């Protein structure tokens, strides 16, 4: 599918709706992050992984270039309104995760939309999340079993959220959300 120079109004509205819904989820994740890091730090990677959802849903529904990055930024703005103390991190995460999702889609020339392609970006993001988790919580000070649990959660968090995002995106697509009307 050739890339369009400009995204249609319909596409922008779908990205905005997905961004608002997933941005609320990101805001909730922002508020629970300190509690998770202090009380159950091994699942921090799973909480951080929620931020893959905006781009996954947008790409699955619309199957167009730039929708992951755009939706991530919109979700980050909504998350920032809900949890302003994390605004810079939300925007940085949006650019990083959305950029990775767009890059993986671009490598396949925006023609491959099977689930494996989404999971490639999820694993790449998961490895990055594992590194961040390692740095944030000084994982080297934990026992080996905790280090392994941490890293597994960090990689599998984005993979699990990607599976959920694909499910939601598929259902929205089946409901006709991604269907393109004539010229818009």
Protein backbone atom coordinates (compact mmCIF):
# COMPACT_ATOMS: atom_id res chain seq x y z
CA UNK A 1 0.00 0.00 0.00
CA UNK A 2 1.63 3.29 -1.01
CA UNK A 3 2.06 5.93 1.67
CA UNK A 4 -0.21 8.93 1.48
CA UNK A 5 1.31 12.37 1.80
CA UNK A 6 -1.40 13.49 4.22
CA UNK A 7 -3.49 11.50 6.68
CA UNK A 8 -7.22 11.90 6.15
CA UNK A 9 -9.50 13.52 8.71
CA UNK A 10 -11.07 10.13 9.34
CA UNK A 11 -7.65 8.61 10.05
CA UNK A 12 -6.74 11.48 12.38
CA UNK A 13 -10.00 11.07 14.29
CA UNK A 14 -9.47 7.32 14.70
CA UNK A 15 -5.91 7.98 15.94
CA UNK A 16 -7.26 10.58 18.36
CA UNK A 17 -9.92 8.24 19.75
CA UNK A 18 -7.40 5.44 20.23
CA UNK A 19 -4.94 7.95 21.73
CA UNK A 20 -7.46 9.19 24.28
CA UNK A 21 -8.56 5.70 25.35
CA UNK A 22 -5.04 4.33 25.63
CA UNK A 23 -3.74 7.58 27.13
CA UNK A 24 -6.09 7.12 30.07
CA UNK A 25 -4.62 3.65 30.56
CA UNK A 26 -1.11 5.14 30.39
CA UNK A 27 -2.06 7.74 33.00
CA UNK A 28 -3.26 5.01 35.33
CA UNK A 29 0.02 3.16 34.77
CA UNK A 30 1.85 6.37 35.67
CA UNK A 31 0.04 6.66 38.97
CA UNK A 32 0.61 3.03 39.97
CA UNK A 33 4.28 2.95 38.92
CA UNK A 34 5.74 4.25 42.22
CA UNK A 35 3.57 1.84 44.21
CA UNK A 36 4.63 -1.09 42.00
CA UNK A 37 8.33 -0.18 42.14
CA UNK A 38 8.20 -0.05 45.96
CA UNK A 39 5.87 -2.99 46.71
CA UNK A 40 6.15 -5.43 43.80
CA UNK A 41 9.09 -4.27 41.71
CA UNK A 42 9.29 -7.45 39.63
CA UNK A 43 6.18 -6.46 37.67
CA UNK A 44 7.42 -2.97 36.79
CA UNK A 45 8.31 -4.10 33.27
CA UNK A 46 4.77 -5.35 32.81
CA UNK A 47 3.37 -1.96 33.88
CA UNK A 48 5.78 -0.10 31.59
CA UNK A 49 4.79 -2.43 28.73
CA UNK A 50 1.27 -0.94 28.65
CA UNK A 51 2.68 1.90 26.60
CA UNK A 52 2.91 -0.31 23.47
CA UNK A 53 -0.87 -0.39 23.09
CA UNK A 54 -1.60 2.90 21.23
CA UNK A 55 0.54 2.06 18.20
CA UNK A 56 -0.49 -1.58 18.08
CA UNK A 57 -4.19 -0.76 17.98
CA UNK A 58 -3.70 2.09 15.49
CA UNK A 59 -1.61 -0.01 13.12
CA UNK A 60 -3.94 -2.99 13.32
CA UNK A 61 -7.03 -0.86 12.70
CA UNK A 62 -5.70 1.53 10.06
CA UNK A 63 -2.70 -0.24 8.50
CA UNK A 64 -1.12 3.02 7.38
CA UNK A 65 2.26 4.71 7.83
CA UNK A 66 2.73 7.11 10.77
CA UNK A 67 -0.42 6.11 12.67
CA UNK A 68 1.53 4.35 15.44
CA UNK A 69 3.74 7.35 16.12
CA UNK A 70 0.87 9.83 15.91
CA UNK A 71 -1.35 7.77 18.20
CA UNK A 72 1.48 7.28 20.69
CA UNK A 73 2.06 11.04 20.90
CA UNK A 74 -1.65 11.73 21.36
CA UNK A 75 -1.83 9.04 24.07
CA UNK A 76 1.21 10.55 25.79
CA UNK A 77 -0.48 13.95 25.88
CA UNK A 78 -3.58 12.43 27.48
CA UNK A 79 -1.44 10.42 29.93
CA UNK A 80 0.43 13.63 30.78
CA UNK A 81 -2.83 15.35 31.64
CA UNK A 82 -3.76 12.43 33.90
CA UNK A 83 -0.32 12.06 35.53
CA UNK A 84 1.64 15.27 34.83
CA UNK A 85 4.60 14.22 36.96
CA UNK A 86 5.51 11.74 34.19
CA UNK A 87 4.91 14.03 31.16
CA UNK A 88 8.48 13.98 29.86
CA UNK A 89 8.71 10.21 30.27
CA UNK A 90 5.37 9.68 28.55
CA UNK A 91 6.49 11.73 25.56
CA UNK A 92 9.89 10.05 25.40
CA UNK A 93 8.31 6.62 25.62
CA UNK A 94 5.78 7.56 22.94
CA UNK A 95 8.51 8.62 20.54
CA UNK A 96 10.63 5.56 21.29
CA UNK A 97 7.89 2.91 21.21
CA UNK A 98 6.00 4.53 18.33
CA UNK A 99 9.26 4.94 16.43
CA UNK A 100 10.15 1.27 16.87
CA UNK A 101 6.67 0.20 15.74
CA UNK A 102 6.89 2.46 12.69
CA UNK A 103 10.40 1.24 11.88
CA UNK A 104 9.37 -2.41 11.96
CA UNK A 105 6.35 -1.61 9.76
CA UNK A 106 8.56 0.41 7.39
CA UNK A 107 11.00 -2.51 7.05
CA UNK A 108 8.06 -4.55 5.71
CA UNK A 109 7.11 -1.53 3.56
CA UNK A 110 3.78 -1.27 5.40
CA UNK A 111 2.57 -4.39 3.60
CA UNK A 112 2.89 -7.02 6.33
CA UNK A 113 0.16 -6.96 8.96
CA UNK A 114 0.23 -10.48 10.35
CA UNK A 115 0.67 -10.84 14.10
CA UNK A 116 4.34 -11.87 13.95
CA UNK A 117 5.29 -8.40 12.75
CA UNK A 118 3.69 -6.77 15.78
CA UNK A 119 5.43 -9.22 18.10
CA UNK A 120 8.83 -8.41 16.59
CA UNK A 121 8.38 -4.81 17.70
CA UNK A 122 7.09 -6.03 21.09
CA UNK A 123 10.22 -8.12 21.70
CA UNK A 124 12.51 -5.25 20.66
CA UNK A 125 10.64 -2.93 23.03
CA UNK A 126 10.68 -5.62 25.73
CA UNK A 127 14.45 -5.88 25.54
CA UNK A 128 14.69 -2.10 25.88
CA UNK A 129 12.26 -2.18 28.82
CA UNK A 130 14.40 -4.88 30.46
CA UNK A 131 17.43 -2.61 30.19
CA UNK A 132 15.51 0.35 31.65
CA UNK A 133 14.16 -1.82 34.47
CA UNK A 134 17.70 -3.04 35.20
CA UNK A 135 18.91 0.57 35.52
CA UNK A 136 15.91 1.96 37.44
CA UNK A 137 15.87 -0.64 40.20
CA UNK A 138 19.59 -1.55 40.30
CA UNK A 139 18.77 -5.15 39.56
CA UNK A 140 22.30 -6.34 40.30
CA UNK A 141 21.53 -5.96 44.02
CA UNK A 142 18.68 -8.51 43.85
CA UNK A 143 18.96 -12.30 44.19
CA UNK A 144 19.30 -14.24 40.94
CA UNK A 145 15.69 -15.51 40.98
CA UNK A 146 14.44 -11.90 41.28
CA UNK A 147 16.72 -10.73 38.46
CA UNK A 148 15.40 -13.46 36.17
CA UNK A 149 11.77 -12.74 37.13
CA UNK A 150 12.31 -9.05 36.51
CA UNK A 151 13.80 -9.56 33.07
CA UNK A 152 11.15 -12.09 32.03
CA UNK A 153 8.37 -9.68 33.11
CA UNK A 154 10.10 -6.80 31.34
CA UNK A 155 10.24 -8.65 28.02
CA UNK A 156 6.89 -10.41 28.30
CA UNK A 157 5.02 -7.27 29.45
CA UNK A 158 5.14 -5.58 26.02
CA UNK A 159 4.43 -8.93 24.36
CA UNK A 160 1.30 -9.46 26.50
CA UNK A 161 0.09 -5.88 25.94
CA UNK A 162 0.73 -6.33 22.21
CA UNK A 163 -1.50 -9.42 22.21
CA UNK A 164 -4.24 -7.42 23.94
CA UNK A 165 -3.75 -4.49 21.54
CA UNK A 166 -4.03 -6.82 18.55
CA UNK A 167 -7.23 -8.29 19.95
CA UNK A 168 -8.76 -4.84 20.46
CA UNK A 169 -7.54 -3.65 17.06
CA UNK A 170 -8.92 -6.73 15.32
CA UNK A 171 -12.31 -6.27 16.98
CA UNK A 172 -12.40 -2.58 16.00
CA UNK A 173 -11.43 -3.48 12.45
CA UNK A 174 -14.16 -6.13 12.32
CA UNK A 175 -16.61 -3.50 13.56
CA UNK A 176 -15.69 -1.38 10.54
CA UNK A 177 -13.60 1.27 12.29
CA UNK A 178 -10.67 0.91 9.91
CA UNK A 179 -12.77 0.75 6.79
CA UNK A 180 -12.01 3.53 4.40
CA UNK A 181 -14.89 5.44 2.93
CA UNK A 182 -14.45 6.98 -0.52
CA UNK A 183 -12.23 10.07 -0.42
CA UNK A 184 -11.96 11.73 2.94
